[in-house]
Amino acid sequence: MAKARAVDRRLFLLIEIAARRMSRDADARLKTEAGVSASQAAVLFLLLRRGDRRMGAIGETLSLNPPAVTGLVNRMEKAGLVAKRTDASDRRGALVTLTPRGRDAGEKADASLKALNAELEEALGEDAADALHDALTAIVTRTAE
């Protein structure tokens, strides 16, 4: 039997509200447990998993515009989480690399978000978590093209 639904389900609004709440909660948790913001954690994860990255590649992967990446990386550099160095293959650009402090913060942030993901999956149930993962992956994949 079909589920009764409102004509206008406002999916975008619900996704936006959920994303803001989750981001705010994750940000507070990451600051407490790893000493970094959610945005900083995203950069740290990228560098932990893929190694040094150019500023443009960070922006592309994280869907950030160039000024946002510059500001974020500059704040992270000031905090001692990353270092910038000239790219030997293209002197016009800078490579962003992890510092030991950044690696440590990234590993703590990873553990914190793994716990958060486990809590979300437990709250939703495995089937709903799988469906949500598939739906969000479809949205991200479609909008990345």
N, C-alpha and C. Protein backbone atom coordinates (compact mmCIF):
# COMPACT_ATOMS: atom_id res chain seq x y z
N MET A 1 0.84 -1.16 0.00
CA MET A 1 0.00 0.00 0.00
C MET A 1 0.89 1.24 0.00
N ALA A 2 0.52 2.21 -0.79
CA ALA A 2 1.31 3.44 -0.91
C ALA A 2 1.19 4.28 0.36
N LYS A 3 2.27 4.93 0.70
CA LYS A 3 2.31 5.78 1.88
C LYS A 3 1.68 7.14 1.54
N ALA A 4 0.79 7.63 2.40
CA ALA A 4 0.19 8.94 2.18
C ALA A 4 1.24 10.00 2.43
N ARG A 5 1.35 10.95 1.52
CA ARG A 5 2.36 12.00 1.63
C ARG A 5 1.76 13.35 1.32
N ALA A 6 2.34 14.35 1.92
CA ALA A 6 1.95 15.72 1.58
C ALA A 6 2.35 15.98 0.14
N VAL A 7 1.60 16.83 -0.53
CA VAL A 7 1.89 17.14 -1.93
C VAL A 7 3.29 17.74 -2.05
N ASP A 8 3.63 18.66 -1.15
CA ASP A 8 4.93 19.32 -1.17
C ASP A 8 5.72 18.82 0.03
N ARG A 9 6.61 17.87 -0.20
CA ARG A 9 7.35 17.25 0.92
C ARG A 9 8.53 18.08 1.39
N ARG A 10 8.93 19.06 0.62
CA ARG A 10 10.01 19.96 1.00
C ARG A 10 11.28 19.20 1.41
N LEU A 11 11.67 18.28 0.56
CA LEU A 11 12.86 17.48 0.84
C LEU A 11 14.10 18.35 1.01
N PHE A 12 14.26 19.34 0.13
CA PHE A 12 15.44 20.19 0.24
C PHE A 12 15.51 20.86 1.60
N LEU A 13 14.39 21.41 2.06
CA LEU A 13 14.36 22.08 3.35
C LEU A 13 14.70 21.12 4.48
N LEU A 14 14.15 19.92 4.44
CA LEU A 14 14.46 18.94 5.47
C LEU A 14 15.94 18.55 5.46
N ILE A 15 16.49 18.36 4.27
CA ILE A 15 17.92 18.03 4.17
C ILE A 15 18.75 19.18 4.71
N GLU A 16 18.38 20.41 4.36
CA GLU A 16 19.11 21.60 4.83
C GLU A 16 19.08 21.71 6.35
N ILE A 17 17.91 21.53 6.94
CA ILE A 17 17.78 21.63 8.40
C ILE A 17 18.58 20.51 9.08
N ALA A 18 18.42 19.29 8.57
CA ALA A 18 19.16 18.16 9.16
C ALA A 18 20.66 18.37 9.04
N ALA A 19 21.11 18.85 7.88
CA ALA A 19 22.55 19.06 7.68
C ALA A 19 23.07 20.13 8.63
N ARG A 20 22.33 21.20 8.82
CA ARG A 20 22.78 22.26 9.74
C ARG A 20 22.87 21.74 11.17
N ARG A 21 21.85 21.03 11.60
CA ARG A 21 21.86 20.49 12.97
C ARG A 21 23.00 19.50 13.16
N MET A 22 23.14 18.61 12.21
CA MET A 22 24.21 17.60 12.32
C MET A 22 25.58 18.27 12.27
N SER A 23 25.73 19.26 11.42
CA SER A 23 27.00 19.95 11.31
C SER A 23 27.33 20.68 12.61
N ARG A 24 26.34 21.35 13.17
CA ARG A 24 26.54 22.06 14.44
C ARG A 24 26.94 21.09 15.55
N ASP A 25 26.23 19.96 15.63
CA ASP A 25 26.53 18.97 16.67
C ASP A 25 27.90 18.34 16.45
N ALA A 26 28.22 18.00 15.20
CA ALA A 26 29.52 17.41 14.90
C ALA A 26 30.64 18.42 15.18
N ASP A 27 30.41 19.68 14.83
CA ASP A 27 31.41 20.72 15.05
C ASP A 27 31.73 20.83 16.55
N ALA A 28 30.70 20.86 17.39
CA ALA A 28 30.92 20.96 18.84
C ALA A 28 31.67 19.74 19.35
N ARG A 29 31.28 18.58 18.87
CA ARG A 29 31.93 17.34 19.32
C ARG A 29 33.39 17.30 18.87
N LEU A 30 33.65 17.69 17.63
CA LEU A 30 35.02 17.68 17.11
C LEU A 30 35.90 18.68 17.85
N LYS A 31 35.36 19.84 18.17
CA LYS A 31 36.13 20.84 18.91
C LYS A 31 36.51 20.31 20.29
N THR A 32 35.57 19.61 20.93
CA THR A 32 35.83 19.05 22.25
C THR A 32 36.82 17.88 22.20
N GLU A 33 36.60 16.96 21.26
CA GLU A 33 37.37 15.72 21.24
C GLU A 33 38.66 15.79 20.43
N ALA A 34 38.71 16.66 19.42
CA ALA A 34 39.89 16.70 18.55
C ALA A 34 40.51 18.09 18.43
N GLY A 35 39.83 19.09 18.94
CA GLY A 35 40.35 20.45 18.88
C GLY A 35 40.28 21.11 17.52
N VAL A 36 39.39 20.60 16.64
CA VAL A 36 39.25 21.16 15.29
C VAL A 36 37.77 21.32 14.96
N SER A 37 37.49 22.17 13.98
CA SER A 37 36.12 22.33 13.49
C SER A 37 35.81 21.23 12.48
N ALA A 38 34.55 21.12 12.12
CA ALA A 38 34.15 20.13 11.11
C ALA A 38 34.82 20.43 9.77
N SER A 39 34.93 21.69 9.41
CA SER A 39 35.59 22.06 8.15
C SER A 39 37.07 21.69 8.17
N GLN A 40 37.71 21.96 9.29
CA GLN A 40 39.12 21.60 9.42
C GLN A 40 39.29 20.08 9.38
N ALA A 41 38.38 19.36 10.02
CA ALA A 41 38.45 17.90 10.01
C ALA A 41 38.35 17.36 8.58
N ALA A 42 37.50 17.97 7.76
CA ALA A 42 37.37 17.52 6.37
C ALA A 42 38.69 17.64 5.62
N VAL A 43 39.39 18.75 5.82
CA VAL A 43 40.70 18.93 5.17
C VAL A 43 41.69 17.91 5.72
N LEU A 44 41.69 17.72 7.03
CA LEU A 44 42.61 16.75 7.63
C LEU A 44 42.36 15.34 7.10
N PHE A 45 41.09 14.94 6.98
CA PHE A 45 40.76 13.62 6.43
C PHE A 45 41.30 13.47 5.02
N LEU A 46 41.11 14.50 4.22
CA LEU A 46 41.57 14.46 2.83
C LEU A 46 43.09 14.27 2.79
N LEU A 47 43.80 15.02 3.58
CA LEU A 47 45.26 14.93 3.58
C LEU A 47 45.74 13.61 4.19
N LEU A 48 45.05 13.11 5.20
CA LEU A 48 45.41 11.82 5.79
C LEU A 48 45.27 10.69 4.77
N ARG A 49 44.20 10.73 4.00
CA ARG A 49 43.90 9.63 3.08
C ARG A 49 44.59 9.75 1.73
N ARG A 50 44.80 10.98 1.26
CA ARG A 50 45.32 11.15 -0.10
C ARG A 50 46.66 11.87 -0.18
N GLY A 51 47.19 12.28 0.95
CA GLY A 51 48.49 12.95 0.95
C GLY A 51 48.37 14.42 0.58
N ASP A 52 49.51 15.05 0.35
CA ASP A 52 49.56 16.47 0.05
C ASP A 52 48.62 16.81 -1.10
N ARG A 53 47.98 17.98 -0.99
CA ARG A 53 47.03 18.42 -2.01
C ARG A 53 47.24 19.90 -2.31
N ARG A 54 46.98 20.24 -3.57
CA ARG A 54 46.97 21.65 -3.97
C ARG A 54 45.69 22.28 -3.42
N MET A 55 45.73 23.57 -3.25
CA MET A 55 44.57 24.29 -2.71
C MET A 55 43.33 24.06 -3.60
N GLY A 56 43.51 24.13 -4.90
CA GLY A 56 42.39 23.93 -5.82
C GLY A 56 41.77 22.55 -5.69
N ALA A 57 42.61 21.54 -5.48
CA ALA A 57 42.10 20.17 -5.33
C ALA A 57 41.31 20.03 -4.03
N ILE A 58 41.75 20.71 -2.99
CA ILE A 58 41.00 20.68 -1.73
C ILE A 58 39.62 21.29 -1.95
N GLY A 59 39.58 22.44 -2.61
CA GLY A 59 38.31 23.10 -2.87
C GLY A 59 37.38 22.25 -3.72
N GLU A 60 37.94 21.64 -4.74
CA GLU A 60 37.12 20.80 -5.62
C GLU A 60 36.55 19.62 -4.86
N THR A 61 37.37 18.93 -4.09
CA THR A 61 36.91 17.76 -3.36
C THR A 61 35.85 18.12 -2.32
N LEU A 62 36.05 19.24 -1.64
CA LEU A 62 35.15 19.62 -0.54
C LEU A 62 34.06 20.60 -0.96
N SER A 63 33.97 20.91 -2.25
CA SER A 63 32.98 21.85 -2.78
C SER A 63 33.07 23.22 -2.11
N LEU A 64 34.29 23.73 -2.05
CA LEU A 64 34.54 25.06 -1.48
C LEU A 64 35.11 25.96 -2.56
N ASN A 65 34.73 27.24 -2.53
CA ASN A 65 35.28 28.16 -3.51
C ASN A 65 36.70 28.58 -3.07
N PRO A 66 37.51 29.12 -4.00
CA PRO A 66 38.91 29.44 -3.67
C PRO A 66 39.10 30.34 -2.45
N PRO A 67 38.32 31.42 -2.27
CA PRO A 67 38.53 32.22 -1.06
C PRO A 67 38.26 31.44 0.23
N ALA A 68 37.27 30.56 0.21
CA ALA A 68 36.96 29.76 1.40
C ALA A 68 38.11 28.81 1.72
N VAL A 69 38.68 28.18 0.69
CA VAL A 69 39.82 27.27 0.90
C VAL A 69 41.00 28.05 1.45
N THR A 70 41.28 29.20 0.86
CA THR A 70 42.41 30.02 1.30
C THR A 70 42.26 30.39 2.78
N GLY A 71 41.09 30.87 3.16
CA GLY A 71 40.85 31.24 4.55
C GLY A 71 40.97 30.06 5.49
N LEU A 72 40.37 28.94 5.10
CA LEU A 72 40.41 27.74 5.93
C LEU A 72 41.84 27.24 6.11
N VAL A 73 42.56 27.11 5.02
CA VAL A 73 43.94 26.61 5.10
C VAL A 73 44.83 27.59 5.86
N ASN A 74 44.63 28.88 5.67
CA ASN A 74 45.43 29.87 6.42
C ASN A 74 45.19 29.75 7.92
N ARG A 75 43.93 29.57 8.32
CA ARG A 75 43.63 29.38 9.75
C ARG A 75 44.24 28.10 10.27
N MET A 76 44.20 27.05 9.46
CA MET A 76 44.79 25.77 9.87
C MET A 76 46.31 25.87 9.97
N GLU A 77 46.90 26.63 9.09
CA GLU A 77 48.35 26.82 9.13
C GLU A 77 48.73 27.59 10.40
N LYS A 78 47.96 28.62 10.73
CA LYS A 78 48.20 29.40 11.95
C LYS A 78 48.08 28.52 13.20
N ALA A 79 47.16 27.55 13.15
CA ALA A 79 46.95 26.65 14.28
C ALA A 79 47.97 25.52 14.33
N GLY A 80 48.84 25.45 13.32
CA GLY A 80 49.87 24.41 13.30
C GLY A 80 49.39 23.06 12.81
N LEU A 81 48.24 23.02 12.14
CA LEU A 81 47.68 21.75 11.65
C LEU A 81 48.22 21.35 10.28
N VAL A 82 48.52 22.35 9.46
CA VAL A 82 49.03 22.11 8.11
C VAL A 82 50.16 23.09 7.82
N ALA A 83 50.90 22.79 6.79
CA ALA A 83 51.93 23.70 6.28
C ALA A 83 51.73 23.81 4.78
N LYS A 84 52.06 24.98 4.24
CA LYS A 84 52.01 25.16 2.79
C LYS A 84 53.44 25.24 2.28
N ARG A 85 53.64 24.63 1.13
CA ARG A 85 54.96 24.72 0.50
C ARG A 85 54.76 24.86 -1.00
N THR A 86 55.74 25.40 -1.66
CA THR A 86 55.66 25.59 -3.10
C THR A 86 55.64 24.24 -3.79
N ASP A 87 54.77 24.11 -4.77
CA ASP A 87 54.68 22.89 -5.57
C ASP A 87 55.83 22.89 -6.57
N ALA A 88 56.72 21.92 -6.46
CA ALA A 88 57.89 21.86 -7.34
C ALA A 88 57.49 21.71 -8.81
N SER A 89 56.36 21.07 -9.07
CA SER A 89 55.94 20.85 -10.46
C SER A 89 55.25 22.07 -11.06
N ASP A 90 54.78 22.99 -10.21
CA ASP A 90 54.11 24.20 -10.68
C ASP A 90 54.27 25.26 -9.60
N ARG A 91 55.27 26.10 -9.74
CA ARG A 91 55.63 27.07 -8.70
C ARG A 91 54.54 28.10 -8.42
N ARG A 92 53.51 28.16 -9.27
CA ARG A 92 52.43 29.12 -9.03
C ARG A 92 51.53 28.67 -7.89
N GLY A 93 51.54 27.39 -7.61
CA GLY A 93 50.61 26.85 -6.61
C GLY A 93 51.31 26.35 -5.37
N ALA A 94 50.52 26.22 -4.30
CA ALA A 94 51.04 25.71 -3.04
C ALA A 94 50.45 24.33 -2.77
N LEU A 95 51.28 23.49 -2.21
CA LEU A 95 50.82 22.19 -1.72
C LEU A 95 50.56 22.31 -0.23
N VAL A 96 49.49 21.72 0.21
CA VAL A 96 49.15 21.72 1.63
C VAL A 96 49.51 20.35 2.17
N THR A 97 50.23 20.34 3.28
CA THR A 97 50.69 19.10 3.87
C THR A 97 50.36 19.08 5.36
N LEU A 98 50.18 17.90 5.90
CA LEU A 98 49.89 17.76 7.33
C LEU A 98 51.15 17.98 8.16
N THR A 99 50.97 18.57 9.31
CA THR A 99 52.02 18.63 10.32
C THR A 99 51.76 17.46 11.28
N PRO A 100 52.72 17.14 12.14
CA PRO A 100 52.44 16.10 13.14
C PRO A 100 51.21 16.43 14.00
N ARG A 101 51.04 17.69 14.35
CA ARG A 101 49.87 18.10 15.12
C ARG A 101 48.59 17.88 14.31
N GLY A 102 48.64 18.19 13.02
CA GLY A 102 47.49 17.97 12.16
C GLY A 102 47.14 16.50 12.00
N ARG A 103 48.17 15.67 11.89
CA ARG A 103 47.94 14.22 11.79
C ARG A 103 47.25 13.71 13.05
N ASP A 104 47.73 14.13 14.21
CA ASP A 104 47.14 13.72 15.48
C ASP A 104 45.69 14.18 15.58
N ALA A 105 45.43 15.45 15.24
CA ALA A 105 44.07 15.98 15.29
C ALA A 105 43.16 15.25 14.30
N GLY A 106 43.68 14.94 13.12
CA GLY A 106 42.91 14.21 12.12
C GLY A 106 42.53 12.82 12.58
N GLU A 107 43.45 12.15 13.25
CA GLU A 107 43.15 10.80 13.76
C GLU A 107 42.12 10.85 14.89
N LYS A 108 42.22 11.87 15.75
CA LYS A 108 41.21 12.03 16.81
C LYS A 108 39.85 12.36 16.20
N ALA A 109 39.84 13.23 15.21
CA ALA A 109 38.58 13.60 14.54
C ALA A 109 37.96 12.39 13.85
N ASP A 110 38.80 11.56 13.24
CA ASP A 110 38.31 10.35 12.58
C ASP A 110 37.61 9.43 13.58
N ALA A 111 38.23 9.24 14.73
CA ALA A 111 37.63 8.38 15.77
C ALA A 111 36.33 8.98 16.27
N SER A 112 36.29 10.30 16.43
CA SER A 112 35.10 10.98 16.90
C SER A 112 33.94 10.81 15.92
N LEU A 113 34.22 11.00 14.63
CA LEU A 113 33.15 10.88 13.64
C LEU A 113 32.75 9.43 13.38
N LYS A 114 33.67 8.49 13.56
CA LYS A 114 33.27 7.08 13.47
C LYS A 114 32.26 6.75 14.56
N ALA A 115 32.49 7.28 15.76
CA ALA A 115 31.54 7.06 16.85
C ALA A 115 30.20 7.73 16.55
N LEU A 116 30.24 8.94 16.01
CA LEU A 116 29.02 9.65 15.64
C LEU A 116 28.25 8.89 14.57
N ASN A 117 28.95 8.38 13.56
CA ASN A 117 28.30 7.58 12.52
C ASN A 117 27.64 6.33 13.11
N ALA A 118 28.32 5.67 14.04
CA ALA A 118 27.76 4.47 14.67
C ALA A 118 26.49 4.82 15.45
N GLU A 119 26.51 5.96 16.13
CA GLU A 119 25.33 6.41 16.87
C GLU A 119 24.16 6.71 15.93
N LEU A 120 24.46 7.36 14.80
CA LEU A 120 23.42 7.65 13.81
C LEU A 120 22.82 6.37 13.25
N GLU A 121 23.68 5.43 12.91
CA GLU A 121 23.19 4.17 12.36
C GLU A 121 22.33 3.43 13.38
N GLU A 122 22.74 3.46 14.63
CA GLU A 122 21.95 2.80 15.67
C GLU A 122 20.59 3.48 15.83
N ALA A 123 20.57 4.81 15.78
CA ALA A 123 19.32 5.55 15.94
C ALA A 123 18.38 5.31 14.75
N LEU A 124 18.94 5.23 13.54
CA LEU A 124 18.12 5.05 12.34
C LEU A 124 17.74 3.60 12.09
N GLY A 125 18.59 2.69 12.48
CA GLY A 125 18.44 1.30 12.11
C GLY A 125 19.23 1.05 10.83
N GLU A 126 19.70 -0.18 10.66
CA GLU A 126 20.58 -0.49 9.54
C GLU A 126 19.94 -0.24 8.18
N ASP A 127 18.68 -0.65 8.01
CA ASP A 127 18.01 -0.48 6.71
C ASP A 127 17.83 0.99 6.35
N ALA A 128 17.37 1.79 7.31
CA ALA A 128 17.19 3.22 7.04
C ALA A 128 18.53 3.91 6.81
N ALA A 129 19.55 3.51 7.56
CA ALA A 129 20.88 4.09 7.38
C ALA A 129 21.41 3.76 5.98
N ASP A 130 21.20 2.52 5.53
CA ASP A 130 21.62 2.14 4.18
C ASP A 130 20.88 2.95 3.11
N ALA A 131 19.57 3.11 3.30
CA ALA A 131 18.78 3.87 2.33
C ALA A 131 19.20 5.34 2.31
N LEU A 132 19.45 5.90 3.48
CA LEU A 132 19.90 7.29 3.55
C LEU A 132 21.27 7.45 2.88
N HIS A 133 22.16 6.52 3.16
CA HIS A 133 23.49 6.55 2.53
C HIS A 133 23.37 6.51 1.01
N ASP A 134 22.55 5.62 0.51
CA ASP A 134 22.37 5.50 -0.93
C ASP A 134 21.77 6.78 -1.52
N ALA A 135 20.77 7.35 -0.85
CA ALA A 135 20.13 8.57 -1.35
C ALA A 135 21.11 9.75 -1.35
N LEU A 136 21.84 9.93 -0.28
CA LEU A 136 22.79 11.04 -0.21
C LEU A 136 23.94 10.85 -1.19
N THR A 137 24.39 9.63 -1.37
CA THR A 137 25.44 9.34 -2.36
C THR A 137 24.94 9.70 -3.75
N ALA A 138 23.70 9.37 -4.06
CA ALA A 138 23.12 9.71 -5.37
C ALA A 138 23.06 11.22 -5.56
N ILE A 139 22.69 11.94 -4.52
CA ILE A 139 22.63 13.41 -4.62
C ILE A 139 24.02 13.98 -4.85
N VAL A 140 24.99 13.55 -4.07
CA VAL A 140 26.35 14.08 -4.19
C VAL A 140 26.95 13.71 -5.53
N THR A 141 26.74 12.50 -5.99
CA THR A 141 27.29 12.06 -7.27
C THR A 141 26.64 12.83 -8.42
N ARG A 142 25.36 13.02 -8.34
CA ARG A 142 24.64 13.74 -9.41
C ARG A 142 25.07 15.20 -9.46
N THR A 143 25.24 15.85 -8.33
CA THR A 143 25.58 17.26 -8.31
C THR A 143 27.06 17.50 -8.60
N ALA A 144 27.88 16.47 -8.47
CA ALA A 144 29.33 16.62 -8.74
C ALA A 144 29.62 16.63 -10.23
N GLU A 145 28.68 16.18 -11.02
CA GLU A 145 28.92 16.09 -12.47
C GLU A 145 28.70 17.39 -13.16
